[in-house]
All heavy atoms as atom14 arrays in JSON, in Angstrom:
{
  "sequence": "KATAINYTLNCDSKFEIRISDNGSGFEMESTKKGNGLDNMEWR",
  "atom14_mask": [
    [1, 1, 1, 1, 1, 1, 1, 1, 1, 0, 0, 0, 0, 0],
    [1, 1, 1, 1, 1, 0, 0, 0, 0, 0, 0, 0, 0, 0],
    [1, 1, 1, 1, 1, 1, 1, 0, 0, 0, 0, 0, 0, 0],
    [1, 1, 1, 1, 1, 0, 0, 0, 0, 0, 0, 0, 0, 0],
    [1, 1, 1, 1, 1, 1, 1, 1, 0, 0, 0, 0, 0, 0],
    [1, 1, 1, 1, 1, 1, 1, 1, 0, 0, 0, 0, 0, 0],
    [1, 1, 1, 1, 1, 1, 1, 1, 1, 1, 1, 1, 0, 0],
    [1, 1, 1, 1, 1, 1, 1, 0, 0, 0, 0, 0, 0, 0],
    [1, 1, 1, 1, 1, 1, 1, 1, 0, 0, 0, 0, 0, 0],
    [1, 1, 1, 1, 1, 1, 1, 1, 0, 0, 0, 0, 0, 0],
    [1, 1, 1, 1, 1, 1, 0, 0, 0, 0, 0, 0, 0, 0],
    [1, 1, 1, 1, 1, 1, 1, 1, 0, 0, 0, 0, 0, 0],
    [1, 1, 1, 1, 1, 1, 0, 0, 0, 0, 0, 0, 0, 0],
    [1, 1, 1, 1, 1, 1, 1, 1, 1, 0, 0, 0, 0, 0],
    [1, 1, 1, 1, 1, 1, 1, 1, 1, 1, 1, 0, 0, 0],
    [1, 1, 1, 1, 1, 1, 1, 1, 1, 0, 0, 0, 0, 0],
    [1, 1, 1, 1, 1, 1, 1, 1, 0, 0, 0, 0, 0, 0],
    [1, 1, 1, 1, 1, 1, 1, 1, 1, 1, 1, 0, 0, 0],
    [1, 1, 1, 1, 1, 1, 1, 1, 0, 0, 0, 0, 0, 0],
    [1, 1, 1, 1, 1, 1, 0, 0, 0, 0, 0, 0, 0, 0],
    [1, 1, 1, 1, 1, 1, 1, 1, 0, 0, 0, 0, 0, 0],
    [1, 1, 1, 1, 1, 1, 1, 1, 0, 0, 0, 0, 0, 0],
    [1, 1, 1, 1, 0, 0, 0, 0, 0, 0, 0, 0, 0, 0],
    [1, 1, 1, 1, 1, 1, 0, 0, 0, 0, 0, 0, 0, 0],
    [1, 1, 1, 1, 0, 0, 0, 0, 0, 0, 0, 0, 0, 0],
    [1, 1, 1, 1, 1, 1, 1, 1, 1, 1, 1, 0, 0, 0],
    [1, 1, 1, 1, 1, 1, 1, 1, 1, 0, 0, 0, 0, 0],
    [1, 1, 1, 1, 1, 1, 1, 1, 0, 0, 0, 0, 0, 0],
    [1, 1, 1, 1, 1, 1, 1, 1, 1, 0, 0, 0, 0, 0],
    [1, 1, 1, 1, 1, 1, 0, 0, 0, 0, 0, 0, 0, 0],
    [1, 1, 1, 1, 1, 1, 1, 0, 0, 0, 0, 0, 0, 0],
    [1, 1, 1, 1, 1, 1, 1, 1, 1, 0, 0, 0, 0, 0],
    [1, 1, 1, 1, 1, 1, 1, 1, 1, 0, 0, 0, 0, 0],
    [1, 1, 1, 1, 0, 0, 0, 0, 0, 0, 0, 0, 0, 0],
    [1, 1, 1, 1, 1, 1, 1, 1, 0, 0, 0, 0, 0, 0],
    [1, 1, 1, 1, 0, 0, 0, 0, 0, 0, 0, 0, 0, 0],
    [1, 1, 1, 1, 1, 1, 1, 1, 0, 0, 0, 0, 0, 0],
    [1, 1, 1, 1, 1, 1, 1, 1, 0, 0, 0, 0, 0, 0],
    [1, 1, 1, 1, 1, 1, 1, 1, 0, 0, 0, 0, 0, 0],
    [1, 1, 1, 1, 1, 1, 1, 1, 0, 0, 0, 0, 0, 0],
    [1, 1, 1, 1, 1, 1, 1, 1, 1, 0, 0, 0, 0, 0],
    [1, 1, 1, 1, 1, 1, 1, 1, 1, 1, 1, 1, 1, 1],
    [1, 1, 1, 1, 1, 1, 1, 1, 1, 1, 1, 0, 0, 0]
  ],
  "atom14_positions": [
    [[8.58, -6.48, 7.86], [8.6, -7.5, 8.9], [7.17, -7.85, 9.35], [6.92, -8.15, 10.52], [9.44, -6.99, 10.11], [10.88, -6.7, 9.75], [11.63, -6.21, 10.98], [13.05, -5.88, 10.59], [13.33, -4.46, 10.67], [0.0, 0.0, 0.0], [0.0, 0.0, 0.0], [0.0, 0.0, 0.0], [0.0, 0.0, 0.0], [0.0, 0.0, 0.0]],
    [[6.24, -7.82, 8.42], [4.86, -8.15, 8.69], [4.68, -9.61, 9.02], [5.39, -10.46, 8.51], [3.97, -7.73, 7.5], [0.0, 0.0, 0.0], [0.0, 0.0, 0.0], [0.0, 0.0, 0.0], [0.0, 0.0, 0.0], [0.0, 0.0, 0.0], [0.0, 0.0, 0.0], [0.0, 0.0, 0.0], [0.0, 0.0, 0.0], [0.0, 0.0, 0.0]],
    [[3.66, -9.87, 9.85], [3.26, -11.26, 10.12], [1.88, -11.53, 9.52], [1.42, -12.66, 9.55], [3.24, -11.59, 11.63], [2.33, -10.67, 12.25], [4.65, -11.42, 12.23], [0.0, 0.0, 0.0], [0.0, 0.0, 0.0], [0.0, 0.0, 0.0], [0.0, 0.0, 0.0], [0.0, 0.0, 0.0], [0.0, 0.0, 0.0], [0.0, 0.0, 0.0]],
    [[1.22, -10.47, 9.04], [-0.1, -10.63, 8.42], [-0.26, -9.64, 7.3], [0.1, -8.46, 7.45], [-1.2, -10.43, 9.47], [0.0, 0.0, 0.0], [0.0, 0.0, 0.0], [0.0, 0.0, 0.0], [0.0, 0.0, 0.0], [0.0, 0.0, 0.0], [0.0, 0.0, 0.0], [0.0, 0.0, 0.0], [0.0, 0.0, 0.0], [0.0, 0.0, 0.0]],
    [[-0.79, -10.1, 6.16], [-1.09, -9.26, 5.01], [-2.58, -9.47, 4.68], [-3.05, -10.63, 4.6], [-0.21, -9.57, 3.83], [1.25, -9.31, 4.15], [-0.64, -8.76, 2.59], [2.22, -9.72, 3.08], [0.0, 0.0, 0.0], [0.0, 0.0, 0.0], [0.0, 0.0, 0.0], [0.0, 0.0, 0.0], [0.0, 0.0, 0.0], [0.0, 0.0, 0.0]],
    [[-3.3, -8.37, 4.52], [-4.75, -8.43, 4.2], [-4.96, -7.79, 2.84], [-4.42, -6.73, 2.55], [-5.56, -7.71, 5.26], [-5.47, -8.36, 6.59], [-5.75, -9.55, 6.72], [-5.04, -7.61, 7.6], [0.0, 0.0, 0.0], [0.0, 0.0, 0.0], [0.0, 0.0, 0.0], [0.0, 0.0, 0.0], [0.0, 0.0, 0.0], [0.0, 0.0, 0.0]],
    [[-5.79, -8.46, 2.04], [-6.15, -7.98, 0.69], [-7.65, -7.96, 0.62], [-8.31, -8.91, 0.94], [-5.54, -8.95, -0.31], [-6.09, -8.78, -1.73], [-5.68, -7.73, -2.55], [-7.01, -9.71, -2.24], [-6.19, -7.58, -3.83], [-7.51, -9.59, -3.52], [-7.11, -8.52, -4.3], [-7.6, -8.39, -5.58], [0.0, 0.0, 0.0], [0.0, 0.0, 0.0]],
    [[-8.19, -6.81, 0.18], [-9.63, -6.73, -0.01], [-9.92, -6.06, -1.33], [-9.22, -5.17, -1.79], [-10.33, -5.89, 1.11], [-9.76, -4.57, 1.13], [-10.14, -6.51, 2.47], [0.0, 0.0, 0.0], [0.0, 0.0, 0.0], [0.0, 0.0, 0.0], [0.0, 0.0, 0.0], [0.0, 0.0, 0.0], [0.0, 0.0, 0.0], [0.0, 0.0, 0.0]],
    [[-10.98, -6.54, -1.96], [-11.49, -5.95, -3.19], [-12.99, -5.78, -3.05], [-13.71, -6.76, -2.74], [-11.15, -6.82, -4.4], [-11.49, -6.17, -5.77], [-10.55, -6.69, -6.81], [-12.91, -6.45, -6.19], [0.0, 0.0, 0.0], [0.0, 0.0, 0.0], [0.0, 0.0, 0.0], [0.0, 0.0, 0.0], [0.0, 0.0, 0.0], [0.0, 0.0, 0.0]],
    [[-13.47, -4.57, -3.22], [-14.88, -4.26, -3.17], [-15.27, -3.6, -4.46], [-14.51, -2.75, -4.97], [-15.22, -3.32, -2.0], [-15.02, -3.97, -0.67], [-15.58, -5.03, -0.41], [-14.18, -3.39, 0.17], [0.0, 0.0, 0.0], [0.0, 0.0, 0.0], [0.0, 0.0, 0.0], [0.0, 0.0, 0.0], [0.0, 0.0, 0.0], [0.0, 0.0, 0.0]],
    [[-16.43, -3.98, -5.02], [-16.92, -3.33, -6.22], [-18.42, -3.3, -6.22], [-19.06, -4.33, -6.2], [-16.4, -4.04, -7.49], [-16.88, -3.17, -9.0], [0.0, 0.0, 0.0], [0.0, 0.0, 0.0], [0.0, 0.0, 0.0], [0.0, 0.0, 0.0], [0.0, 0.0, 0.0], [0.0, 0.0, 0.0], [0.0, 0.0, 0.0], [0.0, 0.0, 0.0]],
    [[-18.93, -2.1, -6.19], [-20.36, -1.88, -6.43], [-20.47, -1.23, -7.78], [-20.45, -1.89, -8.78], [-20.9, -1.01, -5.3], [-22.44, -0.96, -5.27], [-23.05, -1.4, -6.27], [-23.03, -0.5, -4.28], [0.0, 0.0, 0.0], [0.0, 0.0, 0.0], [0.0, 0.0, 0.0], [0.0, 0.0, 0.0], [0.0, 0.0, 0.0], [0.0, 0.0, 0.0]],
    [[-20.45, 0.1, -7.84], [-20.38, 0.74, -9.15], [-18.94, 1.05, -9.53], [-18.63, 1.12, -10.69], [-21.22, 2.04, -9.14], [-20.71, 2.94, -8.17], [0.0, 0.0, 0.0], [0.0, 0.0, 0.0], [0.0, 0.0, 0.0], [0.0, 0.0, 0.0], [0.0, 0.0, 0.0], [0.0, 0.0, 0.0], [0.0, 0.0, 0.0], [0.0, 0.0, 0.0]],
    [[-18.07, 1.18, -8.55], [-16.63, 1.38, -8.78], [-15.86, 0.44, -7.86], [-16.39, 0.06, -6.82], [-16.2, 2.84, -8.51], [-16.86, 3.82, -9.46], [-16.33, 5.21, -9.23], [-16.95, 6.14, -10.25], [-16.29, 7.44, -10.24], [0.0, 0.0, 0.0], [0.0, 0.0, 0.0], [0.0, 0.0, 0.0], [0.0, 0.0, 0.0], [0.0, 0.0, 0.0]],
    [[-14.65, 0.09, -8.23], [-13.88, -0.83, -7.41], [-12.93, -0.09, -6.48], [-12.49, 1.03, -6.77], [-13.11, -1.86, -8.25], [-12.06, -1.32, -9.14], [-10.81, -0.93, -8.64], [-12.27, -1.15, -10.49], [-9.81, -0.4, -9.45], [-11.29, -0.65, -11.33], [-10.06, -0.3, -10.81], [0.0, 0.0, 0.0], [0.0, 0.0, 0.0], [0.0, 0.0, 0.0]],
    [[-12.65, -0.75, -5.36], [-11.61, -0.31, -4.43], [-10.85, -1.54, -4.01], [-11.41, -2.56, -3.65], [-12.16, 0.39, -3.2], [-11.03, 0.78, -2.25], [-11.54, 1.37, -0.95], [-12.66, 1.02, -0.51], [-10.78, 2.2, -0.38], [0.0, 0.0, 0.0], [0.0, 0.0, 0.0], [0.0, 0.0, 0.0], [0.0, 0.0, 0.0], [0.0, 0.0, 0.0]],
    [[-9.52, -1.47, -4.11], [-8.65, -2.57, -3.75], [-7.71, -2.05, -2.65], [-7.14, -0.98, -2.79], [-7.83, -3.06, -4.96], [-8.76, -3.4, -6.14], [-6.96, -4.23, -4.57], [-8.02, -3.62, -7.45], [0.0, 0.0, 0.0], [0.0, 0.0, 0.0], [0.0, 0.0, 0.0], [0.0, 0.0, 0.0], [0.0, 0.0, 0.0], [0.0, 0.0, 0.0]],
    [[-7.57, -2.85, -1.6], [-6.65, -2.5, -0.49], [-5.75, -3.68, -0.2], [-6.16, -4.8, -0.19], [-7.39, -2.14, 0.75], [-8.12, -0.82, 0.68], [-8.8, -0.57, 2.0], [-9.51, 0.69, 1.89], [-9.44, 1.63, 2.82], [-8.69, 1.49, 3.88], [-10.09, 2.75, 2.65], [0.0, 0.0, 0.0], [0.0, 0.0, 0.0], [0.0, 0.0, 0.0]],
    [[-4.5, -3.32, 0.08], [-3.57, -4.34, 0.62], [-2.9, -3.68, 1.83], [-2.45, -2.53, 1.72], [-2.6, -4.83, -0.47], [-1.82, -6.04, 0.03], [-1.7, -3.77, -0.95], [-1.2, -6.84, -1.08], [0.0, 0.0, 0.0], [0.0, 0.0, 0.0], [0.0, 0.0, 0.0], [0.0, 0.0, 0.0], [0.0, 0.0, 0.0], [0.0, 0.0, 0.0]],
    [[-2.91, -4.37, 2.93], [-2.35, -3.77, 4.15], [-1.56, -4.85, 4.9], [-1.77, -6.06, 4.72], [-3.46, -3.19, 5.06], [-4.38, -4.21, 5.42], [0.0, 0.0, 0.0], [0.0, 0.0, 0.0], [0.0, 0.0, 0.0], [0.0, 0.0, 0.0], [0.0, 0.0, 0.0], [0.0, 0.0, 0.0], [0.0, 0.0, 0.0], [0.0, 0.0, 0.0]],
    [[-0.68, -4.37, 5.76], [0.09, -5.28, 6.6], [0.16, -4.76, 8.02], [-0.16, -3.58, 8.3], [1.48, -5.53, 6.01], [2.36, -4.28, 5.98], [2.53, -3.66, 7.06], [2.9, -3.95, 4.95], [0.0, 0.0, 0.0], [0.0, 0.0, 0.0], [0.0, 0.0, 0.0], [0.0, 0.0, 0.0], [0.0, 0.0, 0.0], [0.0, 0.0, 0.0]],
    [[0.63, -5.6, 8.91], [0.78, -5.22, 10.32], [2.27, -5.02, 10.66], [2.67, -5.16, 11.79], [0.17, -6.27, 11.23], [0.95, -7.62, 11.2], [1.71, -7.85, 10.27], [0.69, -8.45, 12.17], [0.0, 0.0, 0.0], [0.0, 0.0, 0.0], [0.0, 0.0, 0.0], [0.0, 0.0, 0.0], [0.0, 0.0, 0.0], [0.0, 0.0, 0.0]],
    [[3.02, -4.65, 9.65], [4.47, -4.54, 9.82], [4.95, -3.29, 10.54], [4.2, -2.6, 11.2], [0.0, 0.0, 0.0], [0.0, 0.0, 0.0], [0.0, 0.0, 0.0], [0.0, 0.0, 0.0], [0.0, 0.0, 0.0], [0.0, 0.0, 0.0], [0.0, 0.0, 0.0], [0.0, 0.0, 0.0], [0.0, 0.0, 0.0], [0.0, 0.0, 0.0]],
    [[6.22, -2.99, 10.3], [6.9, -1.91, 11.01], [6.46, -0.51, 10.57], [6.66, 0.43, 11.29], [8.39, -2.06, 10.87], [8.78, -2.02, 9.5], [0.0, 0.0, 0.0], [0.0, 0.0, 0.0], [0.0, 0.0, 0.0], [0.0, 0.0, 0.0], [0.0, 0.0, 0.0], [0.0, 0.0, 0.0], [0.0, 0.0, 0.0], [0.0, 0.0, 0.0]],
    [[5.91, -0.39, 9.37], [5.51, 0.92, 8.88], [6.71, 1.81, 8.63], [7.84, 1.41, 8.82], [0.0, 0.0, 0.0], [0.0, 0.0, 0.0], [0.0, 0.0, 0.0], [0.0, 0.0, 0.0], [0.0, 0.0, 0.0], [0.0, 0.0, 0.0], [0.0, 0.0, 0.0], [0.0, 0.0, 0.0], [0.0, 0.0, 0.0], [0.0, 0.0, 0.0]],
    [[6.43, 3.05, 8.26], [7.53, 4.02, 8.07], [6.97, 5.42, 8.23], [5.78, 5.66, 8.16], [8.19, 3.84, 6.68], [7.28, 4.05, 5.5], [7.11, 5.29, 4.91], [6.53, 2.96, 4.98], [6.27, 5.45, 3.83], [5.69, 3.13, 3.9], [5.55, 4.38, 3.3], [0.0, 0.0, 0.0], [0.0, 0.0, 0.0], [0.0, 0.0, 0.0]],
    [[7.89, 6.34, 8.49], [7.53, 7.76, 8.62], [7.34, 8.34, 7.23], [8.26, 8.46, 6.47], [8.64, 8.55, 9.35], [8.76, 8.31, 10.82], [7.64, 9.03, 11.59], [6.97, 9.9, 11.05], [7.48, 8.66, 12.77], [0.0, 0.0, 0.0], [0.0, 0.0, 0.0], [0.0, 0.0, 0.0], [0.0, 0.0, 0.0], [0.0, 0.0, 0.0]],
    [[6.1, 8.65, 6.91], [5.79, 9.1, 5.55], [6.43, 10.45, 5.23], [6.87, 10.69, 4.12], [4.29, 9.18, 5.34], [3.69, 7.78, 5.29], [1.91, 7.73, 4.91], [1.85, 8.54, 3.33], [0.0, 0.0, 0.0], [0.0, 0.0, 0.0], [0.0, 0.0, 0.0], [0.0, 0.0, 0.0], [0.0, 0.0, 0.0], [0.0, 0.0, 0.0]],
    [[6.5, 11.34, 6.22], [7.0, 12.69, 5.99], [8.52, 12.69, 5.78], [9.05, 13.46, 5.02], [6.67, 13.63, 7.13], [5.16, 13.86, 7.32], [4.49, 12.75, 8.05], [5.13, 12.08, 8.87], [3.29, 12.52, 7.81], [0.0, 0.0, 0.0], [0.0, 0.0, 0.0], [0.0, 0.0, 0.0], [0.0, 0.0, 0.0], [0.0, 0.0, 0.0]],
    [[9.23, 11.81, 6.46], [10.68, 11.86, 6.44], [11.31, 10.76, 5.57], [12.5, 10.81, 5.34], [11.24, 11.75, 7.85], [10.88, 10.53, 8.46], [0.0, 0.0, 0.0], [0.0, 0.0, 0.0], [0.0, 0.0, 0.0], [0.0, 0.0, 0.0], [0.0, 0.0, 0.0], [0.0, 0.0, 0.0], [0.0, 0.0, 0.0], [0.0, 0.0, 0.0]],
    [[10.52, 9.84, 5.06], [11.07, 8.76, 4.24], [11.1, 9.18, 2.8], [10.09, 9.67, 2.26], [10.23, 7.47, 4.39], [10.25, 7.07, 5.76], [10.78, 6.34, 3.55], [0.0, 0.0, 0.0], [0.0, 0.0, 0.0], [0.0, 0.0, 0.0], [0.0, 0.0, 0.0], [0.0, 0.0, 0.0], [0.0, 0.0, 0.0], [0.0, 0.0, 0.0]],
    [[12.25, 9.02, 2.18], [12.38, 9.34, 0.78], [11.72, 8.27, -0.06], [11.92, 7.07, 0.19], [13.87, 9.44, 0.39], [14.09, 9.8, -1.06], [15.58, 9.81, -1.38], [15.75, 10.03, -2.86], [17.02, 9.61, -3.34], [0.0, 0.0, 0.0], [0.0, 0.0, 0.0], [0.0, 0.0, 0.0], [0.0, 0.0, 0.0], [0.0, 0.0, 0.0]],
    [[10.87, 8.71, -1.0], [10.23, 7.71, -1.87], [11.25, 7.06, -2.77], [12.16, 7.73, -3.32], [9.19, 8.41, -2.76], [7.9, 8.75, -2.04], [6.79, 9.12, -3.01], [7.17, 10.18, -3.99], [6.08, 10.62, -4.83], [0.0, 0.0, 0.0], [0.0, 0.0, 0.0], [0.0, 0.0, 0.0], [0.0, 0.0, 0.0], [0.0, 0.0, 0.0]],
    [[11.14, 5.79, -2.89], [12.05, 5.04, -3.76], [11.38, 4.8, -5.1], [10.28, 5.24, -5.41], [0.0, 0.0, 0.0], [0.0, 0.0, 0.0], [0.0, 0.0, 0.0], [0.0, 0.0, 0.0], [0.0, 0.0, 0.0], [0.0, 0.0, 0.0], [0.0, 0.0, 0.0], [0.0, 0.0, 0.0], [0.0, 0.0, 0.0], [0.0, 0.0, 0.0]],
    [[12.07, 4.0, -5.92], [11.58, 3.69, -7.27], [10.24, 2.94, -7.18], [9.4, 3.14, -8.04], [12.61, 2.83, -8.0], [13.8, 3.63, -8.42], [13.74, 4.85, -8.53], [14.91, 2.93, -8.6], [0.0, 0.0, 0.0], [0.0, 0.0, 0.0], [0.0, 0.0, 0.0], [0.0, 0.0, 0.0], [0.0, 0.0, 0.0], [0.0, 0.0, 0.0]],
    [[10.05, 2.09, -6.18], [8.83, 1.33, -6.06], [7.63, 2.22, -5.93], [6.62, 2.05, -6.66], [0.0, 0.0, 0.0], [0.0, 0.0, 0.0], [0.0, 0.0, 0.0], [0.0, 0.0, 0.0], [0.0, 0.0, 0.0], [0.0, 0.0, 0.0], [0.0, 0.0, 0.0], [0.0, 0.0, 0.0], [0.0, 0.0, 0.0], [0.0, 0.0, 0.0]],
    [[7.64, 3.17, -5.0], [6.49, 4.08, -4.81], [6.31, 4.99, -6.03], [5.18, 5.23, -6.44], [6.68, 4.92, -3.54], [6.55, 4.15, -2.22], [6.83, 5.06, -1.05], [5.19, 3.5, -2.09], [0.0, 0.0, 0.0], [0.0, 0.0, 0.0], [0.0, 0.0, 0.0], [0.0, 0.0, 0.0], [0.0, 0.0, 0.0], [0.0, 0.0, 0.0]],
    [[7.4, 5.49, -6.59], [7.28, 6.31, -7.79], [6.67, 5.51, -8.93], [5.81, 6.03, -9.64], [8.67, 6.82, -8.24], [9.15, 7.98, -7.37], [8.37, 8.61, -6.72], [10.39, 8.23, -7.41], [0.0, 0.0, 0.0], [0.0, 0.0, 0.0], [0.0, 0.0, 0.0], [0.0, 0.0, 0.0], [0.0, 0.0, 0.0], [0.0, 0.0, 0.0]],
    [[7.06, 4.28, -9.07], [6.52, 3.42, -10.12], [5.04, 3.12, -9.89], [4.25, 3.15, -10.84], [7.32, 2.11, -10.17], [7.33, 1.49, -11.54], [6.82, 2.04, -12.49], [7.92, 0.31, -11.62], [0.0, 0.0, 0.0], [0.0, 0.0, 0.0], [0.0, 0.0, 0.0], [0.0, 0.0, 0.0], [0.0, 0.0, 0.0], [0.0, 0.0, 0.0]],
    [[4.65, 2.92, -8.66], [3.25, 2.68, -8.32], [2.42, 3.92, -8.7], [1.32, 3.78, -9.27], [3.09, 2.37, -6.83], [3.64, 1.0, -6.43], [3.77, 0.75, -4.67], [2.07, 0.7, -4.15], [0.0, 0.0, 0.0], [0.0, 0.0, 0.0], [0.0, 0.0, 0.0], [0.0, 0.0, 0.0], [0.0, 0.0, 0.0], [0.0, 0.0, 0.0]],
    [[2.91, 5.1, -8.37], [2.19, 6.32, -8.69], [2.07, 6.53, -10.19], [1.0, 6.92, -10.69], [2.86, 7.52, -8.03], [2.7, 7.53, -6.51], [3.47, 8.62, -5.83], [4.2, 9.43, -6.51], [3.39, 8.73, -4.6], [0.0, 0.0, 0.0], [0.0, 0.0, 0.0], [0.0, 0.0, 0.0], [0.0, 0.0, 0.0], [0.0, 0.0, 0.0]],
    [[3.12, 6.25, -10.93], [3.07, 6.36, -12.39], [2.05, 5.38, -12.97], [1.25, 5.76, -13.83], [4.47, 6.09, -13.03], [4.44, 6.11, -14.48], [4.47, 7.17, -15.3], [4.38, 4.96, -15.34], [4.44, 6.81, -16.62], [4.35, 5.44, -16.67], [4.31, 3.6, -15.12], [4.28, 4.56, -17.76], [4.25, 2.74, -16.22], [4.21, 3.2, -17.52]],
    [[2.09, 4.14, -12.5], [1.13, 3.13, -13.0], [-0.33, 3.52, -12.66], [-1.21, 3.28, -13.46], [1.46, 1.74, -12.43], [2.72, 1.18, -13.07], [2.92, -0.26, -12.61], [4.05, -0.83, -13.29], [4.06, -1.28, -14.54], [2.97, -1.23, -15.27], [5.15, -1.83, -15.06], [0.0, 0.0, 0.0], [0.0, 0.0, 0.0], [0.0, 0.0, 0.0]]
  ]
}
């Protein structure tokens, strides 16, 4: 339910890419990872 999404890419000697939102978030400790997060970790 985000109203803003921010994307940043920085690269000096190594790159860092971030994507963030201002949405509802979730409880990381109690939320079961779904296929999406598992797939992101595998990739």
